[in-house]
N, C-alpha and C. Protein backbone atom coordinates (compact mmCIF):
# COMPACT_ATOMS: atom_id res chain seq x y z
N UNK A 1 -77.31 -29.38 11.75
CA UNK A 1 -77.17 -29.16 10.37
C UNK A 1 -76.23 -30.01 9.61
N UNK A 2 -76.44 -30.79 8.83
CA UNK A 2 -75.12 -31.52 7.88
C UNK A 2 -74.32 -30.91 6.86
N UNK A 3 -73.21 -30.84 7.17
CA UNK A 3 -72.26 -30.50 6.43
C UNK A 3 -72.46 -29.56 4.77
N UNK A 4 -73.44 -30.61 4.05
CA UNK A 4 -73.68 -29.97 2.92
C UNK A 4 -75.02 -29.09 2.80
N UNK A 5 -76.08 -29.34 3.78
CA UNK A 5 -76.98 -28.05 3.76
C UNK A 5 -76.82 -27.16 4.53
N UNK A 6 -75.28 -27.54 5.14
CA UNK A 6 -74.46 -25.88 6.02
C UNK A 6 -73.75 -24.80 4.45
N UNK A 7 -73.43 -25.80 3.96
CA UNK A 7 -72.73 -25.18 2.71
C UNK A 7 -73.64 -24.59 1.84
N UNK A 8 -74.82 -24.93 1.81
CA UNK A 8 -76.07 -24.43 0.78
C UNK A 8 -76.43 -23.22 1.58
N UNK A 9 -76.82 -23.52 2.91
CA UNK A 9 -77.30 -22.13 3.52
C UNK A 9 -76.50 -21.14 3.27
N UNK A 10 -75.14 -21.44 3.51
CA UNK A 10 -73.76 -20.21 3.37
C UNK A 10 -74.15 -19.66 2.00
N UNK A 11 -74.05 -20.61 1.29
CA UNK A 11 -73.67 -20.07 -0.03
C UNK A 11 -75.23 -18.81 -0.44
N UNK A 12 -76.21 -19.40 0.23
CA UNK A 12 -77.10 -18.61 -0.19
C UNK A 12 -77.42 -17.54 0.92
N UNK A 13 -76.91 -17.10 1.95
CA UNK A 13 -76.65 -15.83 2.19
C UNK A 13 -75.65 -15.01 1.38
N UNK A 14 -74.48 -15.49 1.31
CA UNK A 14 -73.59 -14.27 0.37
C UNK A 14 -74.50 -14.08 -0.91
N UNK A 15 -74.95 -15.03 -1.66
CA UNK A 15 -75.96 -14.80 -2.88
C UNK A 15 -77.18 -13.90 -2.26
N UNK A 16 -77.83 -13.69 -1.48
CA UNK A 16 -78.78 -12.72 -1.18
C UNK A 16 -78.31 -11.46 -0.58
N UNK A 17 -77.52 -11.40 0.50
CA UNK A 17 -76.32 -10.54 0.45
C UNK A 17 -76.19 -9.64 -0.25
N UNK A 18 -75.27 -10.31 -1.17
CA UNK A 18 -74.80 -9.70 -2.64
C UNK A 18 -75.96 -8.87 -3.52
N UNK A 19 -76.91 -9.85 -3.66
CA UNK A 19 -78.24 -9.38 -4.40
C UNK A 19 -78.30 -7.86 -3.93
N UNK A 20 -79.35 -8.16 -2.46
CA UNK A 20 -79.59 -7.08 -1.94
C UNK A 20 -78.63 -5.51 -1.97
N UNK A 21 -77.46 -5.62 -2.31
CA UNK A 21 -76.54 -4.41 -2.60
C UNK A 21 -76.53 -3.92 -4.10
N UNK A 22 -76.39 -5.12 -4.51
CA UNK A 22 -76.61 -5.04 -5.92
C UNK A 22 -77.75 -4.15 -6.64
N UNK A 23 -78.89 -4.44 -6.00
CA UNK A 23 -80.38 -4.35 -6.25
C UNK A 23 -80.35 -2.51 -5.58
N UNK A 24 -79.00 -1.99 -4.73
CA UNK A 24 -79.32 -0.84 -4.30
C UNK A 24 -80.96 -0.67 -3.25
N UNK A 25 -80.89 -2.25 -2.69
CA UNK A 25 -81.78 -2.44 -1.31
C UNK A 25 -80.78 -1.94 -0.64
N UNK A 26 -80.21 -1.26 0.15
CA UNK A 26 -79.27 -0.83 1.08
C UNK A 26 -80.08 -0.93 2.65
N UNK A 27 -81.22 -0.15 2.34
CA UNK A 27 -82.15 -0.22 3.79
C UNK A 27 -82.48 -2.11 4.40
N UNK A 28 -82.50 -3.29 3.13
CA UNK A 28 -82.37 -4.41 3.88
C UNK A 28 -81.08 -4.77 4.21
N UNK A 29 -79.86 -4.33 4.02
CA UNK A 29 -78.88 -4.36 4.25
C UNK A 29 -78.00 -5.26 5.75
N UNK A 30 -78.71 -4.12 6.27
CA UNK A 30 -78.22 -4.12 8.03
C UNK A 30 -79.13 -5.62 8.03
N UNK A 31 -80.03 -5.72 8.10
CA UNK A 31 -80.57 -6.92 8.39
C UNK A 31 -80.02 -8.59 7.77
N UNK A 32 -79.28 -8.72 7.49
CA UNK A 32 -78.41 -9.62 7.14
C UNK A 32 -77.36 -10.14 8.45
N UNK A 33 -76.85 -8.58 9.25
CA UNK A 33 -76.45 -8.86 10.58
C UNK A 33 -77.02 -9.17 11.82
N UNK A 34 -76.18 -9.76 12.89
CA UNK A 34 -77.08 -9.81 14.28
C UNK A 34 -77.14 -8.95 14.95
N UNK A 35 -77.77 -8.07 15.87
CA UNK A 35 -77.50 -6.69 16.63
C UNK A 35 -76.44 -6.62 16.95
N UNK A 36 -75.61 -7.08 17.80
CA UNK A 36 -74.09 -6.65 17.63
C UNK A 36 -72.83 -7.58 16.68
N UNK A 37 -73.52 -7.34 15.10
CA UNK A 37 -72.47 -8.08 14.39
C UNK A 37 -71.23 -7.25 14.42
N UNK A 38 -69.94 -7.15 13.77
CA UNK A 38 -68.86 -6.70 13.49
C UNK A 38 -68.60 -6.41 11.97
N UNK A 39 -68.92 -5.34 11.15
CA UNK A 39 -68.43 -5.47 10.02
C UNK A 39 -67.45 -4.64 9.67
N UNK A 40 -66.23 -4.78 9.36
CA UNK A 40 -64.88 -4.15 8.92
C UNK A 40 -64.76 -4.38 7.35
N UNK A 41 -63.99 -3.55 6.63
CA UNK A 41 -62.99 -3.47 5.79
C UNK A 41 -62.27 -3.20 5.83
N UNK A 42 -61.19 -3.90 5.53
CA UNK A 42 -59.61 -3.79 5.39
C UNK A 42 -58.73 -4.25 4.55
N UNK A 43 -57.38 -3.32 4.28
CA UNK A 43 -56.73 -4.15 3.10
C UNK A 43 -55.95 -5.06 3.45
N UNK A 44 -55.35 -6.10 2.47
CA UNK A 44 -54.63 -7.05 2.80
C UNK A 44 -53.57 -6.77 2.88
N UNK A 45 -52.61 -5.76 3.16
CA UNK A 45 -51.59 -5.15 3.84
C UNK A 45 -52.08 -5.09 5.42
N UNK A 46 -52.86 -4.35 5.86
CA UNK A 46 -53.19 -3.99 7.15
C UNK A 46 -53.62 -5.79 8.01
N UNK A 47 -54.38 -6.17 7.08
CA UNK A 47 -54.85 -7.41 7.78
C UNK A 47 -53.32 -8.65 7.97
N UNK A 48 -52.56 -8.26 6.93
CA UNK A 48 -51.43 -9.44 7.35
C UNK A 48 -50.52 -8.59 8.55
N UNK A 49 -50.38 -7.74 8.92
CA UNK A 49 -49.68 -7.01 9.82
C UNK A 49 -50.42 -7.08 11.19
N UNK A 50 -51.71 -7.55 11.13
CA UNK A 50 -53.08 -7.23 12.10
C UNK A 50 -53.07 -5.84 12.30
N UNK A 51 -52.96 -5.39 11.67
CA UNK A 51 -53.60 -4.04 12.21
C UNK A 51 -54.90 -3.51 12.06
N UNK A 52 -55.44 -3.52 13.25
CA UNK A 52 -57.02 -2.71 13.37
C UNK A 52 -57.71 -1.62 12.31
N UNK A 53 -56.75 -0.94 11.86
CA UNK A 53 -57.24 -0.09 11.33
C UNK A 53 -58.20 -0.05 10.09
N UNK A 54 -59.26 -0.14 9.98
CA UNK A 54 -60.73 -0.48 9.06
C UNK A 54 -61.07 0.84 7.98
N UNK A 55 -61.24 0.51 6.90
CA UNK A 55 -61.78 1.59 5.96
C UNK A 55 -63.20 2.03 6.66
N UNK A 56 -63.81 0.78 6.50
CA UNK A 56 -65.27 0.92 7.57
C UNK A 56 -64.71 -0.25 8.97
N UNK A 57 -65.30 0.39 9.41
CA UNK A 57 -65.25 -0.28 11.03
C UNK A 57 -66.60 -0.20 11.90
N UNK A 58 -67.77 -1.22 11.75
CA UNK A 58 -68.72 -0.42 12.50
C UNK A 58 -68.93 -1.93 13.18
N UNK A 59 -69.19 -1.43 14.34
CA UNK A 59 -69.93 -2.96 15.44
C UNK A 59 -70.82 -2.76 16.16
N UNK A 60 -71.73 -2.99 15.21
CA UNK A 60 -73.42 -3.67 15.54
C UNK A 60 -74.36 -2.85 14.15
N UNK A 61 -75.49 -3.47 14.81
CA UNK A 61 -76.56 -3.41 13.42
C UNK A 61 -76.79 -1.98 13.40
N UNK A 62 -76.67 -0.83 14.59
CA UNK A 62 -77.37 0.62 14.66
C UNK A 62 -76.20 1.10 13.38
N UNK A 63 -75.04 0.76 14.12
CA UNK A 63 -73.90 1.50 13.08
C UNK A 63 -74.36 0.73 11.40
N UNK A 64 -74.71 -0.17 11.33
CA UNK A 64 -74.69 -0.29 9.84
C UNK A 64 -76.01 0.61 9.33
N UNK A 65 -77.02 0.49 10.17
CA UNK A 65 -78.35 1.74 9.47
C UNK A 65 -78.27 2.88 9.55
N UNK A 66 -77.36 3.29 10.51
CA UNK A 66 -76.52 4.60 10.19
C UNK A 66 -75.86 5.07 9.27
N UNK A 67 -75.10 3.93 8.78
CA UNK A 67 -74.37 4.02 7.24
C UNK A 67 -75.24 4.38 6.16
N UNK A 68 -76.63 3.58 6.26
CA UNK A 68 -77.17 3.53 5.22
C UNK A 68 -77.84 5.19 5.46
N UNK A 69 -78.21 5.44 6.33
CA UNK A 69 -78.90 6.32 6.30
C UNK A 69 -77.89 7.88 6.10
N UNK A 70 -76.39 7.83 6.11
CA UNK A 70 -75.95 8.69 5.96
C UNK A 70 -76.07 9.29 4.11
N UNK A 71 -76.10 7.60 4.09
CA UNK A 71 -75.72 7.21 2.69
C UNK A 71 -77.01 8.20 1.85
N UNK A 72 -78.08 7.59 2.07
CA UNK A 72 -78.96 8.70 1.54
C UNK A 72 -79.43 9.45 1.70
N UNK A 73 -78.84 10.37 2.91
CA UNK A 73 -79.69 11.63 3.41
C UNK A 73 -78.23 12.93 3.47
N UNK A 74 -76.85 12.38 3.92
CA UNK A 74 -75.94 12.92 3.90
C UNK A 74 -75.14 13.15 3.16
N UNK A 75 -74.04 11.80 2.72
CA UNK A 75 -73.53 11.73 1.53
C UNK A 75 -73.43 12.12 0.35
N UNK A 76 -72.53 12.79 -0.03
CA UNK A 76 -72.60 13.31 -1.64
C UNK A 76 -71.50 12.32 -2.67
N UNK A 77 -72.25 11.29 -3.56
CA UNK A 77 -71.08 10.66 -3.91
C UNK A 77 -71.82 10.62 -5.64
N UNK A 78 -70.90 10.27 -6.61
CA UNK A 78 -71.50 10.04 -8.06
C UNK A 78 -72.31 8.90 -7.62
N UNK A 79 -73.51 8.90 -8.52
CA UNK A 79 -73.94 7.72 -8.24
C UNK A 79 -73.26 6.83 -9.21
N UNK A 80 -73.71 5.27 -9.02
CA UNK A 80 -73.02 4.04 -9.26
C UNK A 80 -73.70 2.81 -8.58
N UNK A 81 -73.31 1.82 -9.27
CA UNK A 81 -74.38 0.33 -9.19
C UNK A 81 -72.83 -0.71 -9.16
N UNK A 82 -73.34 -1.46 -8.49
CA UNK A 82 -72.45 -2.34 -8.11
C UNK A 82 -72.84 -3.92 -8.81
N UNK A 83 -72.04 -4.66 -8.75
CA UNK A 83 -72.22 -6.06 -9.59
C UNK A 83 -71.55 -6.90 -8.56
N UNK A 84 -71.97 -7.89 -7.78
CA UNK A 84 -71.11 -8.53 -7.19
C UNK A 84 -70.67 -9.93 -7.91
N UNK A 85 -69.65 -10.43 -7.92
CA UNK A 85 -69.21 -11.89 -8.40
C UNK A 85 -68.16 -12.63 -7.31
N UNK A 86 -68.58 -13.44 -7.10
CA UNK A 86 -68.43 -14.15 -5.59
C UNK A 86 -67.86 -15.90 -6.09
N UNK A 87 -66.81 -16.18 -5.49
CA UNK A 87 -66.38 -17.32 -5.80
C UNK A 87 -67.20 -18.22 -4.96
N UNK A 88 -67.11 -19.67 -5.43
CA UNK A 88 -67.76 -20.81 -4.53
C UNK A 88 -67.00 -20.67 -3.04
N UNK A 89 -67.98 -20.97 -1.96
CA UNK A 89 -67.76 -20.39 -0.78
C UNK A 89 -67.07 -21.92 -0.04
N UNK A 90 -65.82 -21.25 0.77
CA UNK A 90 -65.64 -22.43 1.57
C UNK A 90 -65.48 -22.28 3.01
N UNK A 91 -66.04 -23.37 3.65
CA UNK A 91 -66.76 -23.59 4.88
C UNK A 91 -65.23 -23.76 5.85
N UNK A 92 -64.72 -23.17 6.60
CA UNK A 92 -63.15 -23.02 7.05
C UNK A 92 -63.45 -23.37 8.82
N UNK A 93 -64.67 -23.22 9.56
CA UNK A 93 -64.81 -23.61 10.59
C UNK A 93 -66.39 -24.00 11.44
N UNK A 94 -66.30 -24.85 12.38
CA UNK A 94 -67.87 -25.04 12.25
C UNK A 94 -67.80 -24.84 14.46
N UNK A 95 -68.27 -24.28 14.94
CA UNK A 95 -68.51 -24.27 16.41
C UNK A 95 -70.15 -24.35 16.62
N UNK A 96 -70.22 -25.67 17.02
CA UNK A 96 -72.21 -25.80 17.33
C UNK A 96 -72.82 -24.85 16.03
N UNK A 97 -74.05 -23.93 16.80
CA UNK A 97 -74.60 -23.04 15.99
C UNK A 97 -73.65 -21.90 15.05
N UNK A 98 -72.58 -21.51 14.85
CA UNK A 98 -71.45 -20.85 14.38
C UNK A 98 -70.64 -21.87 13.19
N UNK A 99 -70.32 -20.56 11.86
CA UNK A 99 -69.89 -21.57 10.90
C UNK A 99 -69.02 -20.33 10.55
N UNK A 100 -67.54 -20.75 10.17
CA UNK A 100 -66.99 -20.22 9.70
C UNK A 100 -66.62 -20.04 8.26
N UNK A 101 -67.14 -18.92 7.65
CA UNK A 101 -66.61 -19.49 5.74
C UNK A 101 -65.80 -18.17 4.98
N UNK A 102 -65.33 -18.69 3.76
CA UNK A 102 -64.39 -17.59 3.22
C UNK A 102 -65.15 -17.30 1.75
N UNK A 103 -64.87 -16.55 0.98
CA UNK A 103 -65.03 -16.51 -0.39
C UNK A 103 -64.68 -15.30 -1.07
N UNK A 104 -63.71 -15.76 -2.37
CA UNK A 104 -63.49 -14.33 -2.79
C UNK A 104 -64.62 -13.55 -3.89
N UNK A 105 -64.07 -12.29 -3.85
CA UNK A 105 -64.92 -11.69 -4.69
C UNK A 105 -65.02 -10.64 -5.26
N UNK A 106 -65.57 -10.22 -6.61
CA UNK A 106 -65.12 -9.20 -7.89
C UNK A 106 -66.38 -7.89 -7.69
N UNK A 107 -66.08 -6.82 -7.82
CA UNK A 107 -67.24 -5.94 -7.45
C UNK A 107 -66.87 -4.86 -9.08
N UNK A 108 -67.96 -5.45 -10.02
CA UNK A 108 -67.75 -4.26 -11.18
C UNK A 108 -68.92 -3.28 -10.72
N UNK A 109 -67.80 -1.88 -10.97
CA UNK A 109 -68.69 -0.83 -10.60
C UNK A 109 -69.44 0.01 -11.99
N UNK A 110 -70.92 -0.05 -12.23
CA UNK A 110 -70.87 0.83 -12.91
C UNK A 110 -71.64 2.50 -12.76
N UNK A 111 -71.02 3.22 -13.32
CA UNK A 111 -71.21 4.92 -13.08
C UNK A 111 -72.47 5.00 -13.77
N UNK A 112 -72.98 6.37 -13.56
CA UNK A 112 -73.89 6.80 -14.20
C UNK A 112 -73.78 7.13 -16.17
N UNK A 113 -72.71 7.28 -15.95
CA UNK A 113 -72.39 7.31 -17.69
C UNK A 113 -72.49 6.44 -18.25
N UNK A 114 -72.64 4.92 -17.60
CA UNK A 114 -72.75 3.57 -18.27
C UNK A 114 -71.12 3.11 -18.18
N UNK A 115 -69.81 4.00 -17.97
CA UNK A 115 -68.54 3.08 -17.74
C UNK A 115 -68.53 2.23 -16.76
N UNK A 116 -67.95 0.79 -17.10
CA UNK A 116 -67.51 -0.01 -16.20
C UNK A 116 -66.20 -0.35 -15.92
N UNK A 117 -66.01 -0.60 -14.55
CA UNK A 117 -65.08 -1.02 -14.05
C UNK A 117 -64.64 -2.11 -13.49
N UNK A 118 -63.24 -2.69 -13.15
CA UNK A 118 -63.14 -3.55 -11.61
C UNK A 118 -62.99 -2.75 -10.94
N UNK A 119 -63.78 -2.40 -10.14
CA UNK A 119 -63.87 -1.47 -8.65
C UNK A 119 -62.61 -2.36 -8.15
N UNK A 120 -63.55 -3.45 -7.14
CA UNK A 120 -62.59 -4.21 -6.06
C UNK A 120 -62.46 -5.66 -6.18
N UNK A 121 -61.77 -6.10 -5.86
CA UNK A 121 -61.47 -7.67 -5.04
C UNK A 121 -61.21 -8.26 -4.23
N UNK A 122 -61.54 -9.08 -3.46
CA UNK A 122 -60.80 -9.29 -2.34
C UNK A 122 -61.53 -10.74 -2.05
N UNK A 123 -61.62 -10.80 -0.66
CA UNK A 123 -62.27 -11.91 0.18
C UNK A 123 -62.53 -11.55 1.09
N UNK A 124 -64.18 -12.39 1.61
CA UNK A 124 -64.93 -12.45 2.63
C UNK A 124 -64.63 -13.38 3.79
N UNK A 125 -63.93 -12.98 4.54
CA UNK A 125 -64.05 -13.83 6.26
C UNK A 125 -65.30 -13.69 6.90
N UNK A 126 -66.37 -14.55 6.80
CA UNK A 126 -67.36 -14.62 7.83
C UNK A 126 -67.59 -15.88 8.99
N UNK A 127 -68.06 -14.93 9.70
CA UNK A 127 -68.34 -15.96 11.03
C UNK A 127 -70.11 -15.87 10.90
N UNK A 128 -70.82 -16.79 11.06
CA UNK A 128 -72.28 -16.86 10.52
C UNK A 128 -73.00 -17.41 11.55
N UNK A 129 -74.14 -17.24 12.61
CA UNK A 129 -74.86 -17.93 13.41
C UNK A 129 -76.26 -18.47 12.90
N UNK A 130 -76.17 -19.84 12.94
CA UNK A 130 -77.16 -20.66 12.45
C UNK A 130 -78.08 -21.16 13.34
N UNK A 131 -78.15 -20.24 14.46
CA UNK A 131 -78.87 -20.65 15.39
C UNK A 131 -80.65 -20.39 15.26
N UNK A 132 -81.05 -19.63 14.28
CA UNK A 132 -82.23 -19.59 14.29
C UNK A 132 -83.00 -19.57 12.95
N UNK A 133 -83.87 -19.34 12.52
CA UNK A 133 -84.56 -19.84 11.40
C UNK A 133 -83.80 -18.91 9.86
N UNK A 134 -82.93 -17.93 10.35
CA UNK A 134 -82.47 -17.18 9.37
C UNK A 134 -81.07 -16.79 9.80
N UNK A 135 -80.13 -17.38 8.78
CA UNK A 135 -78.60 -17.23 8.98
C UNK A 135 -78.59 -16.02 9.15
N UNK A 136 -77.51 -15.37 9.82
CA UNK A 136 -77.07 -14.21 9.97
C UNK A 136 -75.55 -14.02 10.52
N UNK A 137 -75.06 -12.97 9.83
CA UNK A 137 -73.46 -12.35 10.02
C UNK A 137 -73.29 -11.89 11.39
N UNK A 138 -72.18 -13.11 12.39
CA UNK A 138 -71.76 -12.59 13.33
C UNK A 138 -70.57 -11.04 13.22
N UNK A 139 -69.99 -11.61 12.38
CA UNK A 139 -68.78 -10.82 11.87
C UNK A 139 -68.44 -11.00 10.49
N UNK A 140 -68.02 -9.69 9.65
CA UNK A 140 -67.80 -10.20 8.48
C UNK A 140 -66.87 -9.15 8.05
N UNK A 141 -65.70 -9.73 7.94
CA UNK A 141 -64.18 -9.19 7.93
C UNK A 141 -64.23 -9.21 6.53
N UNK A 142 -63.97 -7.52 5.34
CA UNK A 142 -63.88 -7.66 3.86
C UNK A 142 -62.25 -7.24 3.78
N UNK A 143 -61.68 -8.35 3.52
CA UNK A 143 -59.90 -7.79 2.92
C UNK A 143 -60.43 -7.63 1.43
N UNK A 144 -59.51 -6.35 1.14
CA UNK A 144 -59.86 -5.70 -0.42
C UNK A 144 -58.30 -6.25 -0.58
N UNK A 145 -57.71 -6.66 -2.42
CA UNK A 145 -56.68 -7.19 -2.51
C UNK A 145 -55.67 -5.98 -2.50
N UNK A 146 -56.30 -4.70 -2.97
CA UNK A 146 -55.09 -3.84 -3.13
C UNK A 146 -55.59 -2.72 -1.76
N UNK A 147 -54.49 -1.83 -1.82
CA UNK A 147 -54.26 -0.50 -0.79
C UNK A 147 -54.60 0.68 -1.42
N UNK A 148 -55.32 0.81 -2.69
CA UNK A 148 -55.33 1.64 -3.03
C UNK A 148 -56.82 1.79 -3.74
N UNK A 149 -57.96 2.49 -3.35
CA UNK A 149 -59.10 2.49 -3.67
C UNK A 149 -59.62 4.14 -4.29
N UNK A 150 -59.62 4.31 -5.69
CA UNK A 150 -59.59 5.51 -6.28
C UNK A 150 -60.51 6.49 -6.59
N UNK A 151 -61.89 6.17 -5.37
CA UNK A 151 -63.08 7.44 -5.18
C UNK A 151 -63.25 6.47 -3.70
N UNK A 152 -64.36 7.36 -3.63
CA UNK A 152 -64.70 7.31 -2.04
C UNK A 152 -65.42 6.17 -1.64
N UNK A 153 -65.40 4.84 -1.20
CA UNK A 153 -66.09 4.12 -0.77
C UNK A 153 -67.44 4.51 -0.16
N UNK A 154 -68.18 4.03 -0.73
CA UNK A 154 -69.54 4.70 -0.04
C UNK A 154 -70.64 3.63 0.45
N UNK A 155 -70.60 2.81 -0.96
CA UNK A 155 -71.91 1.38 -0.96
C UNK A 155 -71.22 0.41 -0.03
N UNK A 156 -71.81 -0.37 0.59
CA UNK A 156 -71.15 -1.72 1.48
C UNK A 156 -70.63 -2.42 0.33
N UNK A 157 -69.94 -3.19 0.73
CA UNK A 157 -69.08 -4.26 -0.40
C UNK A 157 -69.78 -5.68 0.35
């Protein structure tokens, strides 16, 4: 795949990923990952010190599906919606059918009463499998700029 095509494919994957979450179509969210994908949310502090502790640490698609099921059936949290704003994507490496990419993000959170705030910001470090007809995340590391999260992190980032 040519570099320009790869950049467009990766940019579209991130746009579709964010649109899925923002539309509250969370049942589709695990489908953006390979069967053995790793999804982890951590902080800039922990990442810089190579600390393995994650706020969320899912090691395969089944764990992601369980997370969605618990959000829908078990977790109790105030209804809210996200709106992702993602920067331009930067390709940081390529090895055969696998590409590494980085993008910054901000998430605006809208609560049930209509109030909005900049909920979180950070960056995605992604490893993406391009070997099939549809690109999928092999590894998605979400690094938050702040160590402080003011409420339950319920919805995926």
